[in-house]
Amino acid sequence: MLANVFTKSLRDRQVATLVGVIGVVSVAFLGLWAYADLDDQIAELYGGLPEGFLALIGLEVITDAGTLILGEIANLMAPMVLAGLAISMGAAAVAGEERRGTLGILLGNPKSRVSVLTSKAAAMIVLVTIGAALAGIGSGLTAAAFGTDSSDMHLPAAMLHVTAIALFFGFLALFLGTWTGNSSVASGVSVGVLLISFLAAGLLPLIESLSNLTRIFPWYYFNSSGPLQNGIDWGHLAVLIVAIAVLGAGAVVGVRRRDLKVGSPSGEFVNRMREHPIGKKILTRLAGKTNVSSIALKSSTDHRTLTTIAAMVMLYTALMVGPMYNAVSDVLVEFSKAIPDGLKAMIGFVDMASPEGWYTVEVFSIMLPATFIAVSAAVGARALAGEEENRTMDLLLANPVKRSRIVVEKAMALTIIVVALGVATGVGTWLGSLLGGLDISVARIAGATLLGVLLGVFFGFVALAVSGATGNRRTAILATAAAGFVAYFANAFIPVNESIAGWARLSPFFYYADGDPLANGINWTNAAVLAALSLAVLAATLPLFQ
């Protein structure tokens, strides 16, 4: 497997792909298990929804639990997981090798930068394709095991669309990484575009005057045609393939400009920005000045770029959602009247017609936890394992500094970063509420955001613990992502079935979302549970890192 860059890249990422597939199939199992014997109720609940609602989640007809769960897998879970994997691979392909100082070793074989790029891109295509195929096969077999008839669903077509959208975002990260040389910028921007595209594809169709704008977002070409129930849309697929080809060609141009044999470093994109007065100010603000007065402050400033990008995405998204409510409030009222109590249980008993419910669905239910966990997992994984990979851990320990102090200060840095994301989200929600005239209580906004911060810190500490125990940054990220996905969907599916609803308390998401905190205020007991869980994981990290 080490014969060339291509096979080594396959080996390095095969475990990550397998973990992602297992996560997708596990969610399918959890959903089908939780919704067992509820086929009639689900058909009745979704059959009463207003026209157009199902189109927003990529489905046209839901007749049983199998249709619902496979729709969630094909339209949300699988694309998010595989796009995340592709972004990770794309961002690390060239920029990551440069950051770790290993690109010179590859180029010394000798290999050109273009050769390395194409080999890593080919590995990404193969792994994403295999991952989508395995996720589709695994989910289909799981549905069959529960007696679901999926013969009228086009699961292979849906997985082909999943492959295309995942590769689009992977090649976007690859493109950005080759032009900026910064893996954090490449991954952060790509994740931001992914989340905004996902939200826009769901929100804009509700506003008739803006519905055509969905065509500028890649997510529209992924599932607006309903590939799971209608089969492959070759036109939409062609748009994504062309976009992938353009990004790939742009990445080749970018990496050639970074190759000393082709051009000088002064021609690089970032250096050109530094030569421009406005670009220099932007880059200076993003880079900031690294604070070395303590490990915590230095670690927090080391992640300034990632934190800034994620915070801006959360701020602007929360800001936009407020004014949009007035444009869709009439539609939401119809939705709310048509949704029976049973379906409200599936979405956490949130009143979608209220401003608080609107914000919960669009910001606090998926985007906030996804962003907070992604950032905290990246920071937590790099905190210890990253220092070892960069061979800087010995420098820290030589000061001398106790290992326990390193863990505590790294945890402090992680907490500072997640709090910054929480402040951005809270401020954006408050300003969006003011702009939209929604009159959402500042105290409830603060309470809901605090729970989000505690959730993000918990999963960040999980990444920190795995990082300290294994010394492997990639393993820490994968383990945390897998835990987050399973915990999220367990809390989404299990409460629907009253006989097993109590098991939802095993998920940290239960304590984050229980009681609709944005509408009803924070439950301090739930906040205390999340804080206690975080401290317990941190305490366990200390002996693991010794």
Protein backbone atom coordinates (compact mmCIF):
# COMPACT_ATOMS: atom_id res chain seq x y z
CA MET A 1 0.00 0.00 0.00
CA LEU A 2 3.03 2.29 0.17
CA ALA A 3 4.12 1.79 -3.46
CA ASN A 4 3.02 5.30 -4.47
CA VAL A 5 1.15 8.40 -3.28
CA PHE A 6 -2.17 7.06 -4.53
CA THR A 7 -2.06 3.77 -2.61
CA LYS A 8 -0.65 5.44 0.51
CA SER A 9 -3.50 7.98 0.43
CA LEU A 10 -5.98 5.11 0.17
CA ARG A 11 -4.41 3.41 3.17
CA ASP A 12 -4.29 6.60 5.24
CA ARG A 13 -7.98 7.36 4.68
CA GLN A 14 -9.55 3.91 4.48
CA VAL A 15 -10.28 3.76 8.22
CA ALA A 16 -11.93 7.19 8.13
CA THR A 17 -14.12 6.10 5.24
CA LEU A 18 -15.08 2.88 7.01
CA VAL A 19 -15.96 4.72 10.20
CA GLY A 20 -18.14 7.13 8.21
CA VAL A 21 -19.96 4.25 6.52
CA ILE A 22 -20.51 2.52 9.86
CA GLY A 23 -21.92 5.77 11.25
CA VAL A 24 -24.39 6.10 8.37
CA VAL A 25 -25.55 2.49 8.63
CA SER A 26 -25.79 2.78 12.43
CA VAL A 27 -28.14 5.74 12.06
CA ALA A 28 -30.25 3.73 9.62
CA PHE A 29 -30.45 0.92 12.18
CA LEU A 30 -31.33 3.29 15.02
CA GLY A 31 -34.05 5.00 13.00
CA LEU A 32 -35.64 1.79 11.77
CA TRP A 33 -35.45 0.29 15.25
CA ALA A 34 -37.06 3.36 16.85
CA TYR A 35 -39.80 3.60 14.19
CA ALA A 36 -40.57 -0.12 14.16
CA ASP A 37 -44.33 -0.82 13.93
CA LEU A 38 -45.08 2.87 13.23
CA ASP A 39 -45.59 2.60 9.46
CA ASP A 40 -49.29 3.48 9.54
CA GLN A 41 -48.76 6.43 11.85
CA ILE A 42 -45.92 7.79 9.73
CA ALA A 43 -47.95 7.48 6.52
CA GLU A 44 -50.85 9.31 8.18
CA LEU A 45 -48.65 12.03 9.66
CA TYR A 46 -46.77 12.85 6.47
CA GLY A 47 -49.82 12.39 4.26
CA GLY A 48 -51.40 15.45 5.91
CA LEU A 49 -48.53 17.81 5.22
CA PRO A 50 -48.99 20.76 2.86
CA GLU A 51 -47.79 20.43 -0.73
CA GLY A 52 -44.14 21.27 -1.12
CA PHE A 53 -43.02 20.38 2.40
CA LEU A 54 -41.68 16.95 1.48
CA ALA A 55 -39.82 18.45 -1.47
CA LEU A 56 -37.76 20.45 0.99
CA ILE A 57 -36.39 17.22 2.46
CA GLY A 58 -35.86 15.58 -0.93
CA LEU A 59 -38.93 13.31 -0.91
CA GLU A 60 -42.31 13.32 -2.64
CA VAL A 61 -44.16 10.52 -0.84
CA ILE A 62 -43.55 8.87 2.53
CA THR A 63 -45.48 5.66 3.00
CA ASP A 64 -43.63 3.98 5.86
CA ALA A 65 -40.68 4.15 8.24
CA GLY A 66 -38.33 2.74 5.63
CA THR A 67 -39.05 5.55 3.17
CA LEU A 68 -38.55 8.15 5.89
CA ILE A 69 -35.27 6.75 7.20
CA LEU A 70 -33.75 6.02 3.79
CA GLY A 71 -34.73 9.56 2.79
CA GLU A 72 -32.88 10.94 5.81
CA ILE A 73 -29.86 8.79 4.98
CA ALA A 74 -29.74 9.70 1.28
CA ASN A 75 -30.58 13.41 1.66
CA LEU A 76 -28.83 14.38 4.89
CA MET A 77 -26.70 11.85 6.72
CA ALA A 78 -24.71 10.27 3.87
CA PRO A 79 -23.96 13.53 1.99
CA MET A 80 -22.92 15.32 5.18
CA VAL A 81 -20.62 12.50 6.31
CA LEU A 82 -19.01 11.89 2.93
CA ALA A 83 -18.70 15.60 2.16
CA GLY A 84 -16.96 16.03 5.51
CA LEU A 85 -14.54 13.23 4.65
CA ALA A 86 -13.93 14.67 1.19
CA ILE A 87 -13.29 18.16 2.61
CA SER A 88 -10.81 16.68 5.06
CA MET A 89 -8.98 14.87 2.27
CA GLY A 90 -9.06 17.84 -0.10
CA ALA A 91 -7.80 20.33 2.47
CA ALA A 92 -4.97 18.03 3.58
CA ALA A 93 -3.91 16.92 0.09
CA VAL A 94 -1.35 19.67 -0.49
CA ALA A 95 -1.84 22.32 2.20
CA GLY A 96 -1.85 19.67 4.95
CA GLU A 97 1.36 18.09 3.67
CA GLU A 98 2.97 21.55 3.62
CA ARG A 99 1.82 22.28 7.18
CA ARG A 100 3.23 19.00 8.46
CA GLY A 101 6.49 19.50 6.55
CA THR A 102 6.07 16.21 4.67
CA LEU A 103 5.53 17.58 1.17
CA GLY A 104 9.28 17.98 0.68
CA ILE A 105 9.73 14.26 1.34
CA LEU A 106 7.16 13.40 -1.33
CA LEU A 107 8.69 15.82 -3.83
CA GLY A 108 12.15 14.40 -3.17
CA ASN A 109 11.24 10.95 -4.56
CA PRO A 110 11.14 12.80 -7.05
CA LYS A 111 7.49 13.70 -7.55
CA SER A 112 6.09 16.93 -8.96
CA ARG A 113 3.42 18.81 -7.06
CA VAL A 114 0.96 18.11 -9.86
CA SER A 115 1.67 14.38 -9.60
CA VAL A 116 1.07 14.43 -5.85
CA LEU A 117 -2.11 16.44 -6.37
CA THR A 118 -3.57 14.12 -9.00
CA SER A 119 -2.73 11.03 -6.96
CA LYS A 120 -4.44 12.39 -3.87
CA ALA A 121 -7.44 13.59 -5.90
CA ALA A 122 -7.78 10.14 -7.46
CA ALA A 123 -7.65 8.54 -4.01
CA MET A 124 -10.38 10.92 -2.82
CA ILE A 125 -12.60 9.98 -5.79
CA VAL A 126 -12.12 6.26 -5.14
CA LEU A 127 -12.74 6.47 -1.39
CA VAL A 128 -15.82 8.69 -1.68
CA THR A 129 -17.27 6.46 -4.38
CA ILE A 130 -16.65 3.30 -2.35
CA GLY A 131 -17.98 4.99 0.79
CA ALA A 132 -21.22 6.01 -0.93
CA ALA A 133 -21.66 2.53 -2.39
CA LEU A 134 -21.10 0.83 0.97
CA ALA A 135 -23.40 3.29 2.75
CA GLY A 136 -26.14 2.61 0.21
CA ILE A 137 -25.69 -1.16 0.37
CA GLY A 138 -25.53 -1.16 4.16
CA SER A 139 -28.60 1.06 4.56
CA GLY A 140 -30.53 -1.00 2.02
CA LEU A 141 -29.69 -4.27 3.76
CA THR A 142 -30.59 -2.77 7.12
CA ALA A 143 -33.97 -1.66 5.76
CA ALA A 144 -34.54 -5.13 4.32
CA ALA A 145 -33.69 -6.69 7.68
CA PHE A 146 -36.53 -4.67 9.21
CA GLY A 147 -38.92 -5.81 6.48
CA THR A 148 -38.92 -2.56 4.49
CA ASP A 149 -39.76 -2.87 0.81
CA SER A 150 -37.40 -0.48 -0.97
CA SER A 151 -38.01 -1.83 -4.48
CA ASP A 152 -39.67 1.41 -5.58
CA MET A 153 -36.76 3.55 -4.32
CA HIS A 154 -33.70 4.34 -6.41
CA LEU A 155 -31.03 4.01 -3.73
CA PRO A 156 -28.12 3.57 -6.21
CA ALA A 157 -29.21 6.77 -8.01
CA ALA A 158 -29.38 8.64 -4.72
CA MET A 159 -25.90 7.42 -3.76
CA LEU A 160 -24.55 8.56 -7.15
CA HIS A 161 -25.87 12.05 -6.38
CA VAL A 162 -24.33 11.78 -2.89
CA THR A 163 -20.97 10.92 -4.48
CA ALA A 164 -21.17 13.95 -6.77
CA ILE A 165 -22.01 16.48 -4.04
CA ALA A 166 -19.38 15.07 -1.68
CA LEU A 167 -16.71 15.26 -4.39
CA PHE A 168 -17.77 18.82 -5.23
CA PHE A 169 -17.00 20.00 -1.72
CA GLY A 170 -13.86 17.86 -1.57
CA PHE A 171 -12.53 19.47 -4.75
CA LEU A 172 -13.54 22.90 -3.43
CA ALA A 173 -11.31 22.27 -0.39
CA LEU A 174 -8.58 20.96 -2.70
CA PHE A 175 -8.80 24.10 -4.84
CA LEU A 176 -8.66 26.43 -1.83
CA GLY A 177 -5.81 24.48 -0.26
CA THR A 178 -3.63 24.70 -3.35
CA TRP A 179 -4.17 28.45 -3.74
CA THR A 180 -3.85 29.47 -0.10
CA GLY A 181 -1.51 26.80 1.27
CA ASN A 182 -3.63 26.84 4.43
CA SER A 183 -5.58 23.68 5.28
CA SER A 184 -7.62 25.45 7.98
CA VAL A 185 -8.85 28.07 5.53
CA ALA A 186 -9.59 25.40 2.92
CA SER A 187 -11.63 23.24 5.28
CA GLY A 188 -13.29 26.15 7.10
CA VAL A 189 -14.49 27.90 3.95
CA SER A 190 -15.65 24.63 2.39
CA VAL A 191 -17.67 23.66 5.47
CA GLY A 192 -19.15 27.16 5.53
CA VAL A 193 -20.21 26.92 1.88
CA LEU A 194 -21.66 23.46 2.58
CA LEU A 195 -23.81 24.65 5.48
CA ILE A 196 -24.97 27.82 3.72
CA SER A 197 -25.82 25.84 0.58
CA PHE A 198 -27.79 23.32 2.64
CA LEU A 199 -29.76 26.04 4.43
CA ALA A 200 -30.39 28.07 1.26
CA ALA A 201 -31.73 25.02 -0.57
CA GLY A 202 -34.22 24.51 2.24
CA LEU A 203 -35.16 28.12 2.92
CA LEU A 204 -35.32 29.90 -0.44
CA PRO A 205 -38.01 27.67 -2.02
CA LEU A 206 -40.37 28.92 0.70
CA ILE A 207 -40.07 32.46 -0.71
CA GLU A 208 -41.58 32.58 -4.19
CA SER A 209 -39.65 35.66 -5.27
CA LEU A 210 -36.33 34.08 -4.24
CA SER A 211 -36.94 30.46 -5.21
CA ASN A 212 -34.90 30.71 -8.42
CA LEU A 213 -31.83 31.72 -6.40
CA THR A 214 -31.54 28.14 -5.18
CA ARG A 215 -29.96 27.30 -8.55
CA ILE A 216 -26.74 29.08 -7.58
CA PHE A 217 -26.18 26.66 -4.67
CA PRO A 218 -24.67 23.20 -5.27
CA TRP A 219 -27.12 21.52 -2.88
CA TYR A 220 -29.93 22.30 -5.35
CA TYR A 221 -28.30 20.07 -7.97
CA PHE A 222 -27.86 17.34 -5.40
CA ASN A 223 -31.42 16.58 -4.27
CA SER A 224 -33.97 19.02 -5.71
CA SER A 225 -34.91 16.40 -8.32
CA GLY A 226 -35.59 13.75 -5.66
CA PRO A 227 -33.17 11.09 -6.95
CA LEU A 228 -34.20 8.59 -4.28
CA GLN A 229 -37.72 8.40 -5.67
CA ASN A 230 -37.22 9.64 -9.25
CA GLY A 231 -33.83 8.26 -10.20
CA ILE A 232 -30.79 10.01 -11.64
CA ASP A 233 -31.16 13.55 -12.94
CA TRP A 234 -28.42 13.63 -15.56
CA GLY A 235 -28.70 17.38 -16.06
CA HIS A 236 -28.13 18.17 -12.39
CA LEU A 237 -25.41 15.54 -12.17
CA ALA A 238 -23.67 17.09 -15.18
CA VAL A 239 -23.60 20.50 -13.47
CA LEU A 240 -21.84 19.02 -10.43
CA ILE A 241 -19.40 17.04 -12.59
CA VAL A 242 -18.48 20.13 -14.62
CA ALA A 243 -18.01 22.11 -11.40
CA ILE A 244 -15.74 19.36 -10.03
CA ALA A 245 -13.70 19.41 -13.24
CA VAL A 246 -13.33 23.20 -13.09
CA LEU A 247 -12.23 23.09 -9.45
CA GLY A 248 -9.80 20.29 -10.24
CA ALA A 249 -8.29 22.25 -13.12
CA GLY A 250 -8.06 25.31 -10.88
CA ALA A 251 -6.28 23.24 -8.25
CA VAL A 252 -3.72 22.11 -10.82
CA VAL A 253 -3.08 25.74 -11.79
CA GLY A 254 -2.82 26.68 -8.13
CA VAL A 255 -0.36 23.94 -7.24
CA ARG A 256 1.79 24.67 -10.30
CA ARG A 257 2.05 28.30 -9.21
CA ARG A 258 3.34 27.03 -5.88
CA ASP A 259 5.90 24.78 -7.56
CA LEU A 260 9.36 26.33 -7.49
CA LYS A 261 10.08 24.83 -10.90
CA VAL A 262 7.23 26.76 -12.49
CA GLY A 263 6.94 30.03 -10.63
CA SER A 264 8.30 31.93 -7.69
CA PRO A 265 6.61 32.17 -4.31
CA SER A 266 5.87 35.81 -4.97
CA GLY A 267 3.24 34.66 -7.45
CA GLU A 268 1.21 32.80 -4.86
CA PHE A 269 -2.31 33.93 -4.16
CA VAL A 270 -1.70 34.76 -0.50
CA ASN A 271 1.48 36.70 -1.27
CA ARG A 272 -0.35 38.69 -3.93
CA MET A 273 -3.02 39.53 -1.35
CA ARG A 274 -0.29 40.71 1.03
CA GLU A 275 0.98 43.06 -1.67
CA HIS A 276 -2.44 44.70 -1.93
CA PRO A 277 -3.26 47.21 0.87
CA ILE A 278 -6.78 45.90 1.48
CA GLY A 279 -5.70 42.26 1.21
CA LYS A 280 -2.85 42.90 3.63
CA LYS A 281 -5.25 44.30 6.22
CA ILE A 282 -7.60 41.31 5.88
CA LEU A 283 -4.80 38.76 6.20
CA THR A 284 -3.23 40.62 9.12
CA ARG A 285 -6.53 40.62 11.02
CA LEU A 286 -7.09 36.92 10.29
CA ALA A 287 -3.57 35.92 11.29
CA GLY A 288 -3.36 38.24 14.26
CA LYS A 289 -0.44 38.09 16.65
CA THR A 290 0.24 34.79 18.32
CA ASN A 291 0.13 35.18 22.09
CA VAL A 292 2.80 33.09 23.78
CA SER A 293 2.24 34.24 27.36
CA SER A 294 0.54 30.91 28.13
CA ILE A 295 -0.26 27.63 26.44
CA ALA A 296 -3.99 28.41 26.54
CA LEU A 297 -3.67 31.79 24.87
CA LYS A 298 -1.19 30.55 22.29
CA SER A 299 -3.39 27.57 21.41
CA SER A 300 -6.48 29.74 21.07
CA THR A 301 -4.70 32.24 18.80
CA ASP A 302 -3.24 29.41 16.71
CA HIS A 303 -6.82 28.62 15.64
CA ARG A 304 -7.80 32.23 14.96
CA THR A 305 -8.46 31.69 11.24
CA LEU A 306 -10.71 28.67 11.75
CA THR A 307 -12.53 30.38 14.61
CA THR A 308 -13.06 33.57 12.61
CA ILE A 309 -14.47 31.75 9.59
CA ALA A 310 -16.82 29.58 11.68
CA ALA A 311 -17.94 32.55 13.79
CA MET A 312 -18.71 34.65 10.72
CA VAL A 313 -20.73 31.83 9.17
CA MET A 314 -22.78 31.44 12.35
CA LEU A 315 -23.21 35.20 12.79
CA TYR A 316 -24.42 35.88 9.25
CA THR A 317 -26.62 32.79 9.07
CA ALA A 318 -28.36 33.65 12.34
CA LEU A 319 -28.66 37.25 11.17
CA MET A 320 -30.35 36.26 7.88
CA VAL A 321 -32.83 33.83 9.42
CA GLY A 322 -34.63 36.56 11.38
CA PRO A 323 -35.79 38.77 8.47
CA MET A 324 -36.63 35.64 6.43
CA TYR A 325 -39.24 34.63 9.01
CA ASN A 326 -41.57 37.42 7.93
CA ALA A 327 -41.42 36.21 4.33
CA VAL A 328 -42.36 32.62 5.20
CA SER A 329 -44.48 33.07 8.34
CA ASP A 330 -47.78 32.41 6.52
CA VAL A 331 -46.43 29.19 5.03
CA LEU A 332 -45.10 28.11 8.42
CA VAL A 333 -48.51 28.65 9.99
CA GLU A 334 -50.03 26.26 7.44
CA PHE A 335 -47.29 23.75 8.13
CA SER A 336 -47.80 24.03 11.87
CA LYS A 337 -51.56 23.47 11.60
CA ALA A 338 -51.06 20.40 9.40
CA ILE A 339 -48.43 18.73 11.58
CA PRO A 340 -50.03 16.31 14.07
CA ASP A 341 -48.71 15.85 17.59
CA GLY A 342 -46.92 12.66 16.63
CA LEU A 343 -44.82 14.44 14.02
CA LYS A 344 -44.11 17.30 16.42
CA ALA A 345 -42.52 14.71 18.69
CA MET A 346 -40.18 13.78 15.82
CA ILE A 347 -38.96 17.38 15.54
CA GLY A 348 -38.64 17.94 19.26
CA PHE A 349 -42.08 19.48 19.91
CA VAL A 350 -40.94 22.73 18.30
CA ASP A 351 -43.65 25.09 17.11
CA MET A 352 -42.38 25.85 13.60
CA ALA A 353 -44.81 28.75 13.21
CA SER A 354 -43.27 30.71 16.09
CA PRO A 355 -40.11 32.84 15.73
CA GLU A 356 -38.39 30.69 18.35
CA GLY A 357 -39.34 27.49 16.55
CA TRP A 358 -38.17 28.92 13.24
CA TYR A 359 -34.77 29.77 14.71
CA THR A 360 -34.54 26.39 16.44
CA VAL A 361 -35.16 24.48 13.21
CA GLU A 362 -32.91 26.62 11.01
CA VAL A 363 -30.02 27.42 13.38
CA PHE A 364 -30.06 25.62 16.71
CA SER A 365 -31.19 22.11 15.73
CA ILE A 366 -28.53 21.20 13.13
CA MET A 367 -26.26 24.06 12.12
CA LEU A 368 -25.15 25.10 15.62
CA PRO A 369 -24.23 21.61 16.88
CA ALA A 370 -22.67 20.65 13.54
CA THR A 371 -20.45 23.75 13.44
CA PHE A 372 -19.56 23.75 17.14
CA ILE A 373 -18.69 20.03 17.15
CA ALA A 374 -16.71 20.25 13.91
CA VAL A 375 -14.58 23.12 15.22
CA SER A 376 -14.16 21.74 18.75
CA ALA A 377 -13.26 18.29 17.41
CA ALA A 378 -10.61 19.80 15.13
CA VAL A 379 -9.17 21.88 17.97
CA GLY A 380 -9.35 19.08 20.53
CA ALA A 381 -7.76 16.53 18.21
CA ARG A 382 -4.91 18.85 17.34
CA ALA A 383 -4.37 19.95 20.94
CA LEU A 384 -2.26 16.94 21.95
CA ALA A 385 -1.89 14.64 18.95
CA GLY A 386 -1.18 17.63 16.70
CA GLU A 387 1.69 18.72 18.94
CA GLU A 388 3.14 15.21 18.72
CA GLU A 389 2.70 15.05 14.93
CA ASN A 390 4.38 18.45 14.56
CA ARG A 391 7.14 17.31 16.95
CA THR A 392 6.54 20.30 19.23
CA MET A 393 5.37 18.36 22.31
CA ASP A 394 8.94 17.86 23.51
CA LEU A 395 9.46 21.62 23.36
CA LEU A 396 6.48 22.15 25.66
CA LEU A 397 7.57 19.47 28.11
CA ALA A 398 11.12 20.82 28.19
CA ASN A 399 10.06 24.17 29.70
CA PRO A 400 9.41 22.23 32.09
CA VAL A 401 5.62 21.93 32.08
CA LYS A 402 3.63 19.08 33.58
CA ARG A 403 1.49 17.03 31.23
CA SER A 404 -1.56 17.74 33.38
CA ARG A 405 -1.07 21.49 32.93
CA ILE A 406 -0.81 21.06 29.15
CA VAL A 407 -4.12 19.18 29.13
CA VAL A 408 -5.86 21.79 31.29
CA GLU A 409 -4.58 24.75 29.27
CA LYS A 410 -5.43 23.08 25.98
CA ALA A 411 -8.93 22.51 27.38
CA MET A 412 -9.11 26.18 28.33
CA ALA A 413 -8.13 27.19 24.79
CA LEU A 414 -10.80 24.91 23.33
CA THR A 415 -13.39 26.39 25.67
CA ILE A 416 -12.41 29.94 24.68
CA ILE A 417 -12.87 29.10 21.00
CA VAL A 418 -16.29 27.48 21.48
CA VAL A 419 -17.42 30.41 23.64
CA ALA A 420 -16.40 32.76 20.81
CA LEU A 421 -18.61 30.76 18.43
CA GLY A 422 -21.42 30.94 20.98
CA VAL A 423 -21.10 34.72 21.25
CA ALA A 424 -21.21 35.07 17.45
CA THR A 425 -24.31 32.86 17.25
CA GLY A 426 -26.04 34.65 20.11
CA VAL A 427 -25.31 38.10 18.72
CA GLY A 428 -26.43 37.04 15.25
CA THR A 429 -29.69 35.63 16.62
CA TRP A 430 -30.33 38.76 18.68
CA LEU A 431 -29.67 41.08 15.73
CA GLY A 432 -31.75 38.88 13.42
CA SER A 433 -34.59 39.01 15.92
CA LEU A 434 -34.34 42.80 16.05
CA LEU A 435 -34.24 43.16 12.26
CA GLY A 436 -37.20 40.84 11.85
CA GLY A 437 -39.14 42.36 14.75
CA LEU A 438 -39.45 38.89 16.31
CA ASP A 439 -39.00 39.96 19.94
CA ILE A 440 -37.17 36.82 21.06
CA SER A 441 -36.00 37.16 24.65
CA VAL A 442 -32.31 37.95 25.05
CA ALA A 443 -32.22 35.68 28.11
CA ARG A 444 -33.61 32.73 26.15
CA ILE A 445 -31.16 33.37 23.31
CA ALA A 446 -28.32 33.38 25.83
CA GLY A 447 -29.61 30.21 27.48
CA ALA A 448 -29.98 28.25 24.24
CA THR A 449 -26.55 29.41 23.09
CA LEU A 450 -25.00 28.43 26.44
CA LEU A 451 -26.34 24.90 26.03
CA GLY A 452 -24.81 24.83 22.55
CA VAL A 453 -21.47 25.93 23.97
CA LEU A 454 -21.60 23.21 26.63
CA LEU A 455 -22.44 20.62 23.97
CA GLY A 456 -19.53 21.77 21.80
CA VAL A 457 -17.13 21.75 24.76
CA PHE A 458 -18.19 18.21 25.68
CA PHE A 459 -17.43 16.82 22.23
CA GLY A 460 -14.24 18.88 22.08
CA PHE A 461 -13.10 17.26 25.33
CA VAL A 462 -13.95 13.86 23.83
CA ALA A 463 -11.59 14.67 20.94
CA LEU A 464 -9.00 15.87 23.45
CA ALA A 465 -9.27 12.58 25.38
CA VAL A 466 -8.92 10.41 22.28
CA SER A 467 -6.08 12.63 21.09
CA GLY A 468 -4.23 12.15 24.38
CA ALA A 469 -4.88 8.41 24.48
CA THR A 470 -3.90 7.59 20.89
CA GLY A 471 -1.59 10.38 19.81
CA ASN A 472 -3.39 10.32 16.47
CA ARG A 473 -5.22 13.46 15.37
CA ARG A 474 -7.20 11.74 12.63
CA THR A 475 -8.44 9.03 14.98
CA ALA A 476 -9.57 11.65 17.47
CA ILE A 477 -11.57 13.53 14.83
CA LEU A 478 -13.17 10.37 13.50
CA ALA A 479 -14.12 9.05 16.92
CA THR A 480 -15.66 12.39 17.91
CA ALA A 481 -17.56 12.76 14.64
CA ALA A 482 -18.92 9.23 14.91
CA ALA A 483 -20.00 9.81 18.51
CA GLY A 484 -21.67 13.08 17.54
CA PHE A 485 -23.64 11.59 14.64
CA VAL A 486 -24.85 8.60 16.61
CA ALA A 487 -25.78 10.75 19.62
CA TYR A 488 -27.67 13.24 17.43
CA PHE A 489 -29.75 10.71 15.57
CA ALA A 490 -30.35 8.61 18.67
CA ASN A 491 -31.95 11.65 20.30
CA ALA A 492 -33.92 12.38 17.12
CA PHE A 493 -35.33 8.88 16.61
CA ILE A 494 -35.60 7.13 19.97
CA PRO A 495 -38.10 9.52 21.68
CA VAL A 496 -40.69 8.76 19.00
CA ASN A 497 -41.25 5.26 20.39
CA GLU A 498 -42.60 5.61 23.92
CA SER A 499 -41.43 2.14 24.94
CA ILE A 500 -37.76 3.12 24.46
CA ALA A 501 -37.97 6.92 24.86
CA GLY A 502 -36.07 6.83 28.14
CA TRP A 503 -32.93 5.66 26.39
CA ALA A 504 -32.64 9.10 24.74
CA ARG A 505 -31.19 10.39 28.02
CA LEU A 506 -27.98 8.55 27.18
CA SER A 507 -27.39 11.07 24.41
CA PRO A 508 -25.85 14.45 25.31
CA PHE A 509 -28.11 15.98 22.66
CA PHE A 510 -31.06 15.23 24.93
CA TYR A 511 -29.73 17.69 27.51
CA TYR A 512 -29.03 20.24 24.79
CA ALA A 513 -32.46 20.24 23.13
CA ASP A 514 -34.80 19.02 25.89
CA GLY A 515 -37.63 21.40 26.66
CA ASP A 516 -37.10 23.73 23.66
CA PRO A 517 -34.78 26.18 25.49
CA LEU A 518 -35.11 28.99 22.95
CA ALA A 519 -38.87 29.10 23.51
CA ASN A 520 -39.06 28.14 27.18
CA GLY A 521 -35.73 29.13 28.65
CA ILE A 522 -32.72 27.16 29.78
CA ASN A 523 -33.08 24.10 31.99
CA TRP A 524 -30.21 24.53 34.43
CA THR A 525 -30.27 20.88 35.38
CA ASN A 526 -29.56 19.95 31.76
CA ALA A 527 -26.79 22.55 31.65
CA ALA A 528 -25.27 21.08 34.81
CA VAL A 529 -25.37 17.57 33.31
CA LEU A 530 -23.51 18.71 30.19
CA ALA A 531 -20.94 20.56 32.31
CA ALA A 532 -20.47 17.52 34.55
CA LEU A 533 -20.02 15.23 31.54
CA SER A 534 -17.39 17.59 30.13
CA LEU A 535 -15.47 17.71 33.40
CA ALA A 536 -15.63 13.92 33.71
CA VAL A 537 -14.15 13.48 30.23
CA LEU A 538 -11.46 16.08 31.02
CA ALA A 539 -10.59 14.27 34.26
CA ALA A 540 -10.27 11.01 32.34
CA THR A 541 -7.92 12.69 29.85
CA LEU A 542 -5.30 13.43 32.52
CA PRO A 543 -4.27 9.80 33.17
CA LEU A 544 -4.70 8.91 29.48
CA PHE A 545 -2.06 11.48 28.52
CA GLN A 546 0.47 10.50 31.17
